Amino acid sequence: MTASAETSAVARSSQRRVPDFFVVGHPKSGTTALNAMLSGHPQIYIPDLNGAQFFAPELHPPPRNSDTYPDTLADYMALFEGAGQGQRAGEVSPSYLWSRAAAARIAELAPNARIIAIFREPASFLRSLHLELLQDHIETERDLAKAIALDELRRQEKEKRNSTSQRGLRYGVERVRYVEQLRRYHAVFPPEQVLVLIYEDFRADNEATVRRVLRFLEVDDSAPIEVKDANPTVFVRSPRVNQLVRSLYMGRGPAARAVKAAVKTLTPQQLRRNGLEAFRRRALYGKPPAPDEEVMLELRRRSKGEVVALSEYLNRDLVAFWGYDSVA
């Protein structure tokens, strides 16, 4: 049985809850903050798992970093068993917007679902993404310009291997082909089921944007909203020390597992978590340095065509809003 047939068969036979909405991305564009604010609404249920990533396996293949991520449809649907009667169940996975196949997979399982996409000015998005990848130990090059140059080398290696995988492409123009990404959802969902948000609008007025989302999901938009600033962009002071701390936290390797076991025996879980986070905030992370304006200008030049296309597609002047009218 094909994966598509399995999805249809399980969805027909299962009595488990199918998600009512999906926040599909982009990363570093307010998805974590939106998740946190929506989760506090009494009529909304979002699983504790941050980013199930189920519909984009080509971007997150096994083995996973944790055994908590669902690899089967039954495991995925089990995430929503806690949703109460009358609640809207949903998930937030920022990789779904970048995935070439996630839109069709979601539509097959949940054709009536609501889709929420968030777009950010491309140059600031790519810079913030670079800092996030450094923090997550996916990127090792701390200089953005050099990291972008390495991206071209990765592309060439992919072409030599005749690979069509999206993995490994971090800062290429594919990341900001916003219209192409949005068209994939409009191809399988009617326009009234797709809500497009602009990150800078969200930053300027969190509450107004969240209430717009609540109306889109057809839940009470008058409920109190606790504004949260989640997943802020940080600068990793020392990638090597950051990796060491992460290895100890994850218990990777015999020595790390032994140290973690000893710490777990001697200290309560909450104290361990608070202590680790405090150490990471103070010793490992700092405020990001000012961006290199030449690099940012080059990113804007490279992305202007996409911004023009998105402006026309959404019928909104994002060229002026994002300051691209002065970019040659």
C-alpha atoms as a PDB file:
ATOM      1  CA  MET A   1       0.000   0.000   0.000  1.00  0.00           C
ATOM      2  CA  THR A   2       1.382   3.428  -0.917  1.00  0.00           C
ATOM      3  CA  ALA A   3       1.818   6.189   1.672  1.00  0.00           C
ATOM      4  CA  SER A   4      -1.057   8.060   0.009  1.00  0.00           C
ATOM      5  CA  ALA A   5      -3.343   5.040   0.179  1.00  0.00           C
ATOM      6  CA  GLU A   6      -2.368   4.452   3.805  1.00  0.00           C
ATOM      7  CA  THR A   7      -3.270   8.052   4.667  1.00  0.00           C
ATOM      8  CA  SER A   8      -6.699   7.718   3.061  1.00  0.00           C
ATOM      9  CA  ALA A   9      -7.405   4.306   4.602  1.00  0.00           C
ATOM     10  CA  VAL A  10      -6.418   5.303   8.118  1.00  0.00           C
ATOM     11  CA  ALA A  11      -8.276   8.601   7.912  1.00  0.00           C
ATOM     12  CA  ARG A  12     -11.463   6.803   6.813  1.00  0.00           C
ATOM     13  CA  SER A  13     -11.299   4.056   9.412  1.00  0.00           C
ATOM     14  CA  SER A  14      -9.982   5.982  12.401  1.00  0.00           C
ATOM     15  CA  GLN A  15     -12.205   7.800  14.854  1.00  0.00           C
ATOM     16  CA  ARG A  16      -9.287   9.917  15.976  1.00  0.00           C
ATOM     17  CA  ARG A  17      -9.294  13.671  15.670  1.00  0.00           C
ATOM     18  CA  VAL A  18      -8.046  15.275  12.458  1.00  0.00           C
ATOM     19  CA  PRO A  19      -6.498  18.756  12.851  1.00  0.00           C
ATOM     20  CA  ASP A  20      -8.732  21.717  12.044  1.00  0.00           C
ATOM     21  CA  PHE A  21      -5.885  24.099  11.246  1.00  0.00           C
ATOM     22  CA  PHE A  22      -2.183  24.235  10.442  1.00  0.00           C
ATOM     23  CA  VAL A  23       0.301  27.056  10.954  1.00  0.00           C
ATOM     24  CA  VAL A  24       2.662  26.116   8.137  1.00  0.00           C
ATOM     25  CA  GLY A  25       5.520  28.615   8.544  1.00  0.00           C
ATOM     26  CA  HIS A  26       7.929  30.249   7.905  1.00  0.00           C
ATOM     27  CA  PRO A  27      10.419  29.667  10.725  1.00  0.00           C
ATOM     28  CA  LYS A  28      11.735  32.783  12.503  1.00  0.00           C
ATOM     29  CA  SER A  29       8.577  34.587  11.438  1.00  0.00           C
ATOM     30  CA  GLY A  30       6.504  34.567  14.606  1.00  0.00           C
ATOM     31  CA  THR A  31       5.210  30.989  14.460  1.00  0.00           C
ATOM     32  CA  THR A  32       6.425  30.135  17.973  1.00  0.00           C
ATOM     33  CA  ALA A  33       4.870  33.261  19.467  1.00  0.00           C
ATOM     34  CA  LEU A  34       1.616  32.641  17.597  1.00  0.00           C
ATOM     35  CA  ASN A  35       1.625  29.061  18.874  1.00  0.00           C
ATOM     36  CA  ALA A  36       2.038  30.264  22.458  1.00  0.00           C
ATOM     37  CA  MET A  37      -0.740  32.841  22.205  1.00  0.00           C
ATOM     38  CA  LEU A  38      -3.204  30.537  20.450  1.00  0.00           C
ATOM     39  CA  SER A  39      -2.524  27.740  22.952  1.00  0.00           C
ATOM     40  CA  GLY A  40      -3.888  29.920  25.736  1.00  0.00           C
ATOM     41  CA  HIS A  41      -7.294  30.214  24.099  1.00  0.00           C
ATOM     42  CA  PRO A  42      -9.941  27.936  25.694  1.00  0.00           C
ATOM     43  CA  GLN A  43     -11.398  26.979  22.307  1.00  0.00           C
ATOM     44  CA  ILE A  44      -8.067  25.953  20.778  1.00  0.00           C
ATOM     45  CA  TYR A  45      -6.002  22.816  21.325  1.00  0.00           C
ATOM     46  CA  ILE A  46      -2.393  22.559  20.149  1.00  0.00           C
ATOM     47  CA  PRO A  47      -0.230  19.580  21.233  1.00  0.00           C
ATOM     48  CA  ASP A  48       2.731  20.258  23.505  1.00  0.00           C
ATOM     49  CA  LEU A  49       5.041  18.849  20.824  1.00  0.00           C
ATOM     50  CA  ASN A  50       6.659  21.835  19.123  1.00  0.00           C
ATOM     51  CA  GLY A  51       6.480  21.158  15.386  1.00  0.00           C
ATOM     52  CA  ALA A  52       5.304  17.646  14.578  1.00  0.00           C
ATOM     53  CA  GLN A  53       6.849  17.961  11.082  1.00  0.00           C
ATOM     54  CA  PHE A  54       4.859  14.877  10.040  1.00  0.00           C
ATOM     55  CA  PHE A  55       3.932  16.078   6.554  1.00  0.00           C
ATOM     56  CA  ALA A  56       7.490  17.052   5.582  1.00  0.00           C
ATOM     57  CA  PRO A  57       9.489  13.833   6.121  1.00  0.00           C
ATOM     58  CA  GLU A  58      11.859  14.750   3.273  1.00  0.00           C
ATOM     59  CA  LEU A  59      13.088  17.634   5.437  1.00  0.00           C
ATOM     60  CA  HIS A  60      13.187  15.677   8.714  1.00  0.00           C
ATOM     61  CA  PRO A  61      14.034  12.047   7.896  1.00  0.00           C
ATOM     62  CA  PRO A  62      14.671   9.416  10.594  1.00  0.00           C
ATOM     63  CA  PRO A  63      16.523   9.002  12.830  1.00  0.00           C
ATOM     64  CA  ARG A  64      14.921  11.841  14.769  1.00  0.00           C
ATOM     65  CA  ASN A  65      16.587  13.768  17.576  1.00  0.00           C
ATOM     66  CA  SER A  66      13.879  12.456  19.863  1.00  0.00           C
ATOM     67  CA  ASP A  67      11.507   9.517  19.822  1.00  0.00           C
ATOM     68  CA  THR A  68       8.579  11.843  20.484  1.00  0.00           C
ATOM     69  CA  TYR A  69       8.113  12.835  16.830  1.00  0.00           C
ATOM     70  CA  PRO A  70       5.406  10.775  15.081  1.00  0.00           C
ATOM     71  CA  ASP A  71       6.502   8.614  12.155  1.00  0.00           C
ATOM     72  CA  THR A  72       3.142   6.921  11.504  1.00  0.00           C
ATOM     73  CA  LEU A  73      -0.228   8.461  10.792  1.00  0.00           C
ATOM     74  CA  ALA A  74      -1.765   6.739  13.816  1.00  0.00           C
ATOM     75  CA  ASP A  75       0.910   8.255  16.085  1.00  0.00           C
ATOM     76  CA  TYR A  76       0.388  11.649  14.494  1.00  0.00           C
ATOM     77  CA  MET A  77      -3.378  11.641  14.966  1.00  0.00           C
ATOM     78  CA  ALA A  78      -2.911  10.520  18.559  1.00  0.00           C
ATOM     79  CA  LEU A  79      -1.383  13.948  19.243  1.00  0.00           C
ATOM     80  CA  PHE A  80      -4.860  15.467  19.050  1.00  0.00           C
ATOM     81  CA  GLU A  81      -6.715  13.045  21.287  1.00  0.00           C
ATOM     82  CA  GLY A  82      -6.648  15.608  24.086  1.00  0.00           C
ATOM     83  CA  ALA A  83      -8.774  18.086  22.117  1.00  0.00           C
ATOM     84  CA  GLY A  84     -12.111  18.673  23.777  1.00  0.00           C
ATOM     85  CA  GLN A  85     -15.534  18.870  22.209  1.00  0.00           C
ATOM     86  CA  GLY A  86     -15.931  22.263  20.617  1.00  0.00           C
ATOM     87  CA  GLN A  87     -12.193  22.986  20.500  1.00  0.00           C
ATOM     88  CA  ARG A  88     -10.299  23.676  17.289  1.00  0.00           C
ATOM     89  CA  ALA A  89      -7.313  21.319  17.089  1.00  0.00           C
ATOM     90  CA  GLY A  90      -4.221  22.384  15.206  1.00  0.00           C
ATOM     91  CA  GLU A  91      -0.481  22.186  14.898  1.00  0.00           C
ATOM     92  CA  VAL A  92       2.413  24.513  14.123  1.00  0.00           C
ATOM     93  CA  SER A  93       5.208  23.186  11.889  1.00  0.00           C
ATOM     94  CA  PRO A  94       7.261  25.918  10.170  1.00  0.00           C
ATOM     95  CA  SER A  95       8.784  23.505   7.640  1.00  0.00           C
ATOM     96  CA  TYR A  96       5.446  22.836   5.930  1.00  0.00           C
ATOM     97  CA  LEU A  97       5.609  26.035   3.893  1.00  0.00           C
ATOM     98  CA  TRP A  98       9.020  25.164   2.472  1.00  0.00           C
ATOM     99  CA  SER A  99       8.178  21.531   1.751  1.00  0.00           C
ATOM    100  CA  ARG A 100       7.135  20.865  -1.844  1.00  0.00           C
ATOM    101  CA  ALA A 101       4.786  18.049  -0.834  1.00  0.00           C
ATOM    102  CA  ALA A 102       3.338  19.013   2.576  1.00  0.00           C
ATOM    103  CA  ALA A 103       0.392  20.997   1.162  1.00  0.00           C
ATOM    104  CA  ALA A 104      -0.945  18.046  -0.845  1.00  0.00           C
ATOM    105  CA  ARG A 105      -0.390  15.632   2.044  1.00  0.00           C
ATOM    106  CA  ILE A 106      -2.270  17.889   4.460  1.00  0.00           C
ATOM    107  CA  ALA A 107      -5.141  18.358   2.012  1.00  0.00           C
ATOM    108  CA  GLU A 108      -5.499  14.596   1.584  1.00  0.00           C
ATOM    109  CA  LEU A 109      -5.919  14.062   5.321  1.00  0.00           C
ATOM    110  CA  ALA A 110      -7.783  17.259   6.206  1.00  0.00           C
ATOM    111  CA  PRO A 111      -9.352  18.926   3.130  1.00  0.00           C
ATOM    112  CA  ASN A 112     -11.426  21.268   5.315  1.00  0.00           C
ATOM    113  CA  ALA A 113      -8.482  22.485   7.389  1.00  0.00           C
ATOM    114  CA  ARG A 114      -7.572  26.152   7.705  1.00  0.00           C
ATOM    115  CA  ILE A 115      -4.031  27.118   6.680  1.00  0.00           C
ATOM    116  CA  ILE A 116      -2.048  29.989   8.205  1.00  0.00           C
ATOM    117  CA  ALA A 117       1.176  31.142   6.511  1.00  0.00           C
ATOM    118  CA  ILE A 118       3.492  33.893   7.740  1.00  0.00           C
ATOM    119  CA  PHE A 119       5.964  35.716   5.490  1.00  0.00           C
ATOM    120  CA  ARG A 120       8.848  37.919   6.614  1.00  0.00           C
ATOM    121  CA  GLU A 121      11.030  40.413   4.750  1.00  0.00           C
ATOM    122  CA  PRO A 122      13.486  38.051   2.993  1.00  0.00           C
ATOM    123  CA  ALA A 123      16.849  39.501   4.050  1.00  0.00           C
ATOM    124  CA  SER A 124      15.985  39.694   7.760  1.00  0.00           C
ATOM    125  CA  PHE A 125      14.389  36.238   7.509  1.00  0.00           C
ATOM    126  CA  LEU A 126      17.541  34.665   6.056  1.00  0.00           C
ATOM    127  CA  ARG A 127      19.783  36.374   8.615  1.00  0.00           C
ATOM    128  CA  SER A 128      17.584  35.252  11.505  1.00  0.00           C
ATOM    129  CA  LEU A 129      17.439  31.749  10.025  1.00  0.00           C
ATOM    130  CA  HIS A 130      21.248  31.636   9.924  1.00  0.00           C
ATOM    131  CA  LEU A 131      21.442  32.538  13.619  1.00  0.00           C
ATOM    132  CA  GLU A 132      18.813  29.902  14.434  1.00  0.00           C
ATOM    133  CA  LEU A 133      20.706  27.213  12.512  1.00  0.00           C
ATOM    134  CA  LEU A 134      23.858  28.126  14.433  1.00  0.00           C
ATOM    135  CA  GLN A 135      21.960  27.759  17.697  1.00  0.00           C
ATOM    136  CA  ASP A 136      20.581  24.371  16.584  1.00  0.00           C
ATOM    137  CA  HIS A 137      24.031  23.080  15.506  1.00  0.00           C
ATOM    138  CA  ILE A 138      22.943  22.703  11.895  1.00  0.00           C
ATOM    139  CA  GLU A 139      25.225  25.515  10.729  1.00  0.00           C
ATOM    140  CA  THR A 140      28.842  25.910  11.818  1.00  0.00           C
ATOM    141  CA  GLU A 141      29.883  28.991   9.825  1.00  0.00           C
ATOM    142  CA  ARG A 142      29.236  32.066  11.975  1.00  0.00           C
ATOM    143  CA  ASP A 143      29.743  34.573   9.135  1.00  0.00           C
ATOM    144  CA  LEU A 144      26.549  34.927   7.095  1.00  0.00           C
ATOM    145  CA  ALA A 145      28.303  35.857   3.839  1.00  0.00           C
ATOM    146  CA  LYS A 146      30.570  32.810   4.110  1.00  0.00           C
ATOM    147  CA  ALA A 147      27.602  30.616   4.996  1.00  0.00           C
ATOM    148  CA  ILE A 148      25.793  31.818   1.870  1.00  0.00           C
ATOM    149  CA  ALA A 149      28.888  31.022  -0.207  1.00  0.00           C
ATOM    150  CA  LEU A 150      28.940  27.517   1.283  1.00  0.00           C
ATOM    151  CA  ASP A 151      25.309  27.183   0.274  1.00  0.00           C
ATOM    152  CA  GLU A 152      26.354  27.397  -3.372  1.00  0.00           C
ATOM    153  CA  LEU A 153      28.898  24.633  -2.837  1.00  0.00           C
ATOM    154  CA  ARG A 154      26.180  22.487  -1.279  1.00  0.00           C
ATOM    155  CA  ARG A 155      24.003  23.135  -4.314  1.00  0.00           C
ATOM    156  CA  GLN A 156      26.746  21.995  -6.646  1.00  0.00           C
ATOM    157  CA  GLU A 157      27.239  18.835  -4.615  1.00  0.00           C
ATOM    158  CA  LYS A 158      23.508  18.133  -4.836  1.00  0.00           C
ATOM    159  CA  GLU A 159      23.602  18.542  -8.603  1.00  0.00           C
ATOM    160  CA  LYS A 160      26.536  16.134  -8.868  1.00  0.00           C
ATOM    161  CA  ARG A 161      24.518  13.548  -6.931  1.00  0.00           C
ATOM    162  CA  ASN A 162      21.371  14.306  -8.977  1.00  0.00           C
ATOM    163  CA  SER A 163      19.602  14.849  -5.660  1.00  0.00           C
ATOM    164  CA  THR A 164      16.190  16.517  -5.559  1.00  0.00           C
ATOM    165  CA  SER A 165      16.111  16.730  -1.754  1.00  0.00           C
ATOM    166  CA  GLN A 166      15.546  20.160  -0.213  1.00  0.00           C
ATOM    167  CA  ARG A 167      17.774  19.313   2.736  1.00  0.00           C
ATOM    168  CA  GLY A 168      21.086  21.135   2.854  1.00  0.00           C
ATOM    169  CA  LEU A 169      19.833  24.227   1.021  1.00  0.00           C
ATOM    170  CA  ARG A 170      19.720  26.848   3.729  1.00  0.00           C
ATOM    171  CA  TYR A 171      19.872  30.355   2.291  1.00  0.00           C
ATOM    172  CA  GLY A 172      19.180  29.869  -1.429  1.00  0.00           C
ATOM    173  CA  VAL A 173      16.493  31.690  -3.348  1.00  0.00           C
ATOM    174  CA  GLU A 174      14.261  28.617  -2.877  1.00  0.00           C
ATOM    175  CA  ARG A 175      13.774  29.708   0.732  1.00  0.00           C
ATOM    176  CA  VAL A 176      12.106  32.956  -0.292  1.00  0.00           C
ATOM    177  CA  ARG A 177      10.097  31.836  -3.300  1.00  0.00           C
ATOM    178  CA  TYR A 178       7.063  32.941  -1.379  1.00  0.00           C
ATOM    179  CA  VAL A 179       4.563  32.922  -4.260  1.00  0.00           C
ATOM    180  CA  GLU A 180       5.549  29.410  -5.312  1.00  0.00           C
ATOM    181  CA  GLN A 181       5.200  28.225  -1.707  1.00  0.00           C
ATOM    182  CA  LEU A 182       1.796  29.876  -1.343  1.00  0.00           C
ATOM    183  CA  ARG A 183       0.525  28.539  -4.671  1.00  0.00           C
ATOM    184  CA  ARG A 184       1.028  24.991  -3.435  1.00  0.00           C
ATOM    185  CA  TYR A 185      -1.605  25.614  -0.757  1.00  0.00           C
ATOM    186  CA  HIS A 186      -3.941  27.541  -3.042  1.00  0.00           C
ATOM    187  CA  ALA A 187      -3.773  24.606  -5.456  1.00  0.00           C
ATOM    188  CA  VAL A 188      -5.351  22.233  -2.926  1.00  0.00           C
ATOM    189  CA  PHE A 189      -7.320  24.546  -0.613  1.00  0.00           C
ATOM    190  CA  PRO A 190      -9.902  27.198  -1.536  1.00  0.00           C
ATOM    191  CA  PRO A 191      -8.769  30.792  -0.857  1.00  0.00           C
ATOM    192  CA  GLU A 192     -11.155  31.223   2.079  1.00  0.00           C
ATOM    193  CA  GLN A 193      -9.276  28.448   3.916  1.00  0.00           C
ATOM    194  CA  VAL A 194      -5.856  30.122   3.586  1.00  0.00           C
ATOM    195  CA  LEU A 195      -4.817  33.096   5.718  1.00  0.00           C
ATOM    196  CA  VAL A 196      -1.623  34.964   4.826  1.00  0.00           C
ATOM    197  CA  LEU A 197       0.039  37.032   7.541  1.00  0.00           C
ATOM    198  CA  ILE A 198       3.005  39.389   7.341  1.00  0.00           C
ATOM    199  CA  TYR A 199       5.513  39.031  10.180  1.00  0.00           C
ATOM    200  CA  GLU A 200       6.138  42.762  10.491  1.00  0.00           C
ATOM    201  CA  ASP A 201       2.399  43.351  11.004  1.00  0.00           C
ATOM    202  CA  PHE A 202       2.448  40.730  13.736  1.00  0.00           C
ATOM    203  CA  ARG A 203       5.447  42.354  15.433  1.00  0.00           C
ATOM    204  CA  ALA A 204       3.833  45.779  15.265  1.00  0.00           C
ATOM    205  CA  ASP A 205       0.540  44.620  16.810  1.00  0.00           C
ATOM    206  CA  ASN A 206       0.522  41.113  18.266  1.00  0.00           C
ATOM    207  CA  GLU A 207      -2.963  41.342  19.669  1.00  0.00           C
ATOM    208  CA  ALA A 208      -4.648  42.576  16.475  1.00  0.00           C
ATOM    209  CA  THR A 209      -2.993  39.827  14.434  1.00  0.00           C
ATOM    210  CA  VAL A 210      -3.969  37.094  16.898  1.00  0.00           C
ATOM    211  CA  ARG A 211      -7.571  38.307  16.945  1.00  0.00           C
ATOM    212  CA  ARG A 212      -7.569  38.165  13.150  1.00  0.00           C
ATOM    213  CA  VAL A 213      -6.424  34.546  13.373  1.00  0.00           C
ATOM    214  CA  LEU A 214      -9.134  33.761  15.931  1.00  0.00           C
ATOM    215  CA  ARG A 215     -11.810  35.140  13.615  1.00  0.00           C
ATOM    216  CA  PHE A 216     -10.342  33.091  10.761  1.00  0.00           C
ATOM    217  CA  LEU A 217     -10.610  29.970  12.932  1.00  0.00           C
ATOM    218  CA  GLU A 218     -14.161  30.941  13.903  1.00  0.00           C
ATOM    219  CA  VAL A 219     -13.593  30.987  17.646  1.00  0.00           C
ATOM    220  CA  ASP A 220     -14.261  33.721  20.195  1.00  0.00           C
ATOM    221  CA  ASP A 221     -11.993  36.637  19.267  1.00  0.00           C
ATOM    222  CA  SER A 222     -12.903  38.668  22.365  1.00  0.00           C
ATOM    223  CA  ALA A 223     -11.104  36.393  24.840  1.00  0.00           C
ATOM    224  CA  PRO A 224      -8.114  37.929  26.689  1.00  0.00           C
ATOM    225  CA  ILE A 225      -4.780  37.476  24.877  1.00  0.00           C
ATOM    226  CA  GLU A 226      -1.467  37.191  26.694  1.00  0.00           C
ATOM    227  CA  VAL A 227       1.144  38.734  24.411  1.00  0.00           C
ATOM    228  CA  LYS A 228       4.326  36.650  24.333  1.00  0.00           C
ATOM    229  CA  ASP A 229       7.733  37.062  22.698  1.00  0.00           C
ATOM    230  CA  ALA A 230       8.805  33.471  22.080  1.00  0.00           C
ATOM    231  CA  ASN A 231      11.924  32.055  20.431  1.00  0.00           C
ATOM    232  CA  PRO A 232      13.864  35.347  20.157  1.00  0.00           C
ATOM    233  CA  THR A 233      16.821  35.495  17.796  1.00  0.00           C
ATOM    234  CA  VAL A 234      20.099  35.129  19.685  1.00  0.00           C
ATOM    235  CA  PHE A 235      23.795  35.029  18.857  1.00  0.00           C
ATOM    236  CA  VAL A 236      25.754  31.926  19.858  1.00  0.00           C
ATOM    237  CA  ARG A 237      28.933  33.082  21.587  1.00  0.00           C
ATOM    238  CA  SER A 238      30.708  29.732  21.270  1.00  0.00           C
ATOM    239  CA  PRO A 239      29.295  27.027  18.974  1.00  0.00           C
ATOM    240  CA  ARG A 240      31.729  24.486  20.453  1.00  0.00           C
ATOM    241  CA  VAL A 241      30.620  25.064  24.062  1.00  0.00           C
ATOM    242  CA  ASN A 242      26.993  25.216  22.938  1.00  0.00           C
ATOM    243  CA  GLN A 243      27.388  21.820  21.301  1.00  0.00           C
ATOM    244  CA  LEU A 244      28.983  20.406  24.462  1.00  0.00           C
ATOM    245  CA  VAL A 245      26.105  21.608  26.638  1.00  0.00           C
ATOM    246  CA  ARG A 246      23.570  20.228  24.186  1.00  0.00           C
ATOM    247  CA  SER A 247      25.353  16.857  24.114  1.00  0.00           C
ATOM    248  CA  LEU A 248      25.269  16.680  27.903  1.00  0.00           C
ATOM    249  CA  TYR A 249      21.598  17.655  27.940  1.00  0.00           C
ATOM    250  CA  MET A 250      20.700  15.049  25.311  1.00  0.00           C
ATOM    251  CA  GLY A 251      22.886  12.404  26.938  1.00  0.00           C
ATOM    252  CA  ARG A 252      24.826  11.599  23.769  1.00  0.00           C
ATOM    253  CA  GLY A 253      27.856   9.364  24.133  1.00  0.00           C
ATOM    254  CA  PRO A 254      28.875   7.202  27.129  1.00  0.00           C
ATOM    255  CA  ALA A 255      30.454  10.056  29.081  1.00  0.00           C
ATOM    256  CA  ALA A 256      27.532  12.406  28.478  1.00  0.00           C
ATOM    257  CA  ARG A 257      25.011   9.738  29.467  1.00  0.00           C
ATOM    258  CA  ALA A 258      26.911   9.052  32.692  1.00  0.00           C
ATOM    259  CA  VAL A 259      27.039  12.759  33.607  1.00  0.00           C
ATOM    260  CA  LYS A 260      23.362  13.221  32.778  1.00  0.00           C
ATOM    261  CA  ALA A 261      22.385  10.204  34.878  1.00  0.00           C
ATOM    262  CA  ALA A 262      24.322  11.537  37.857  1.00  0.00           C
ATOM    263  CA  VAL A 263      22.785  15.004  37.549  1.00  0.00           C
ATOM    264  CA  LYS A 264      19.281  13.521  37.268  1.00  0.00           C
ATOM    265  CA  THR A 265      19.866  11.536  40.442  1.00  0.00           C
ATOM    266  CA  LEU A 266      21.043  14.535  42.438  1.00  0.00           C
ATOM    267  CA  THR A 267      18.768  17.352  41.245  1.00  0.00           C
ATOM    268  CA  PRO A 268      15.014  17.752  40.578  1.00  0.00           C
ATOM    269  CA  GLN A 269      13.905  18.016  36.950  1.00  0.00           C
ATOM    270  CA  GLN A 270      12.616  21.581  37.150  1.00  0.00           C
ATOM    271  CA  LEU A 271      15.794  22.755  38.856  1.00  0.00           C
ATOM    272  CA  ARG A 272      17.904  21.093  36.157  1.00  0.00           C
ATOM    273  CA  ARG A 273      15.869  22.702  33.405  1.00  0.00           C
ATOM    274  CA  ASN A 274      15.939  26.167  34.967  1.00  0.00           C
ATOM    275  CA  GLY A 275      19.656  25.925  35.671  1.00  0.00           C
ATOM    276  CA  LEU A 276      20.473  24.838  32.140  1.00  0.00           C
ATOM    277  CA  GLU A 277      18.374  27.586  30.579  1.00  0.00           C
ATOM    278  CA  ALA A 278      19.915  30.229  32.847  1.00  0.00           C
ATOM    279  CA  PHE A 279      23.418  29.057  31.919  1.00  0.00           C
ATOM    280  CA  ARG A 280      22.618  29.059  28.218  1.00  0.00           C
ATOM    281  CA  ARG A 281      21.097  32.545  28.354  1.00  0.00           C
ATOM    282  CA  ARG A 282      23.981  34.093  30.269  1.00  0.00           C
ATOM    283  CA  ALA A 283      27.047  32.210  29.048  1.00  0.00           C
ATOM    284  CA  LEU A 284      26.223  30.891  25.585  1.00  0.00           C
ATOM    285  CA  TYR A 285      23.833  33.379  24.022  1.00  0.00           C
ATOM    286  CA  GLY A 286      24.006  37.093  23.525  1.00  0.00           C
ATOM    287  CA  LYS A 287      22.316  39.856  21.596  1.00  0.00           C
ATOM    288  CA  PRO A 288      22.915  39.452  17.849  1.00  0.00           C
ATOM    289  CA  PRO A 289      25.508  41.856  16.428  1.00  0.00           C
ATOM    290  CA  ALA A 290      24.453  44.516  13.958  1.00  0.00           C
ATOM    291  CA  PRO A 291      23.981  43.009  10.504  1.00  0.00           C
ATOM    292  CA  ASP A 292      26.529  43.554   7.754  1.00  0.00           C
ATOM    293  CA  GLU A 293      24.697  46.103   5.607  1.00  0.00           C
ATOM    294  CA  GLU A 294      26.518  45.094   2.427  1.00  0.00           C
ATOM    295  CA  VAL A 295      25.447  41.485   2.893  1.00  0.00           C
ATOM    296  CA  MET A 296      21.873  42.552   3.697  1.00  0.00           C
ATOM    297  CA  LEU A 297      21.745  44.781   0.611  1.00  0.00           C
ATOM    298  CA  GLU A 298      22.935  41.920  -1.573  1.00  0.00           C
ATOM    299  CA  LEU A 299      20.251  39.661  -0.076  1.00  0.00           C
ATOM    300  CA  ARG A 300      17.625  42.309  -0.843  1.00  0.00           C
ATOM    301  CA  ARG A 301      18.854  42.655  -4.416  1.00  0.00           C
ATOM    302  CA  ARG A 302      18.657  38.916  -4.849  1.00  0.00           C
ATOM    303  CA  SER A 303      15.163  38.779  -3.341  1.00  0.00           C
ATOM    304  CA  LYS A 304      13.547  41.825  -4.955  1.00  0.00           C
ATOM    305  CA  GLY A 305      11.951  39.850  -7.769  1.00  0.00           C
ATOM    306  CA  GLU A 306      10.249  37.586  -5.239  1.00  0.00           C
ATOM    307  CA  VAL A 307       9.006  40.574  -3.248  1.00  0.00           C
ATOM    308  CA  VAL A 308       7.548  42.155  -6.395  1.00  0.00           C
ATOM    309  CA  ALA A 309       5.848  38.852  -7.273  1.00  0.00           C
ATOM    310  CA  LEU A 310       4.377  38.468  -3.772  1.00  0.00           C
ATOM    311  CA  SER A 311       3.121  42.065  -3.841  1.00  0.00           C
ATOM    312  CA  GLU A 312       1.242  41.354  -7.056  1.00  0.00           C
ATOM    313  CA  TYR A 313      -0.030  37.990  -5.833  1.00  0.00           C
ATOM    314  CA  LEU A 314      -1.407  39.385  -2.559  1.00  0.00           C
ATOM    315  CA  ASN A 315      -2.396  42.744  -4.070  1.00  0.00           C
ATOM    316  CA  ARG A 316      -0.419  44.553  -1.380  1.00  0.00           C
ATOM    317  CA  ASP A 317       2.559  46.858  -1.861  1.00  0.00           C
ATOM    318  CA  LEU A 318       5.196  44.914   0.054  1.00  0.00           C
ATOM    319  CA  VAL A 319       7.910  46.499  -2.114  1.00  0.00           C
ATOM    320  CA  ALA A 320       7.425  49.805  -0.311  1.00  0.00           C
ATOM    321  CA  PHE A 321       6.410  48.241   3.016  1.00  0.00           C
ATOM    322  CA  TRP A 322       9.636  46.212   3.195  1.00  0.00           C
ATOM    323  CA  GLY A 323      11.777  49.055   1.771  1.00  0.00           C
ATOM    324  CA  TYR A 324      12.570  47.415  -1.556  1.00  0.00           C
ATOM    325  CA  ASP A 325      11.556  50.460  -3.580  1.00  0.00           C
ATOM    326  CA  SER A 326      15.056  51.846  -2.984  1.00  0.00           C
ATOM    327  CA  VAL A 327      16.820  48.614  -3.971  1.00  0.00           C
ATOM    328  CA  ALA A 328      18.204  48.731  -7.492  1.00  0.00           C
END
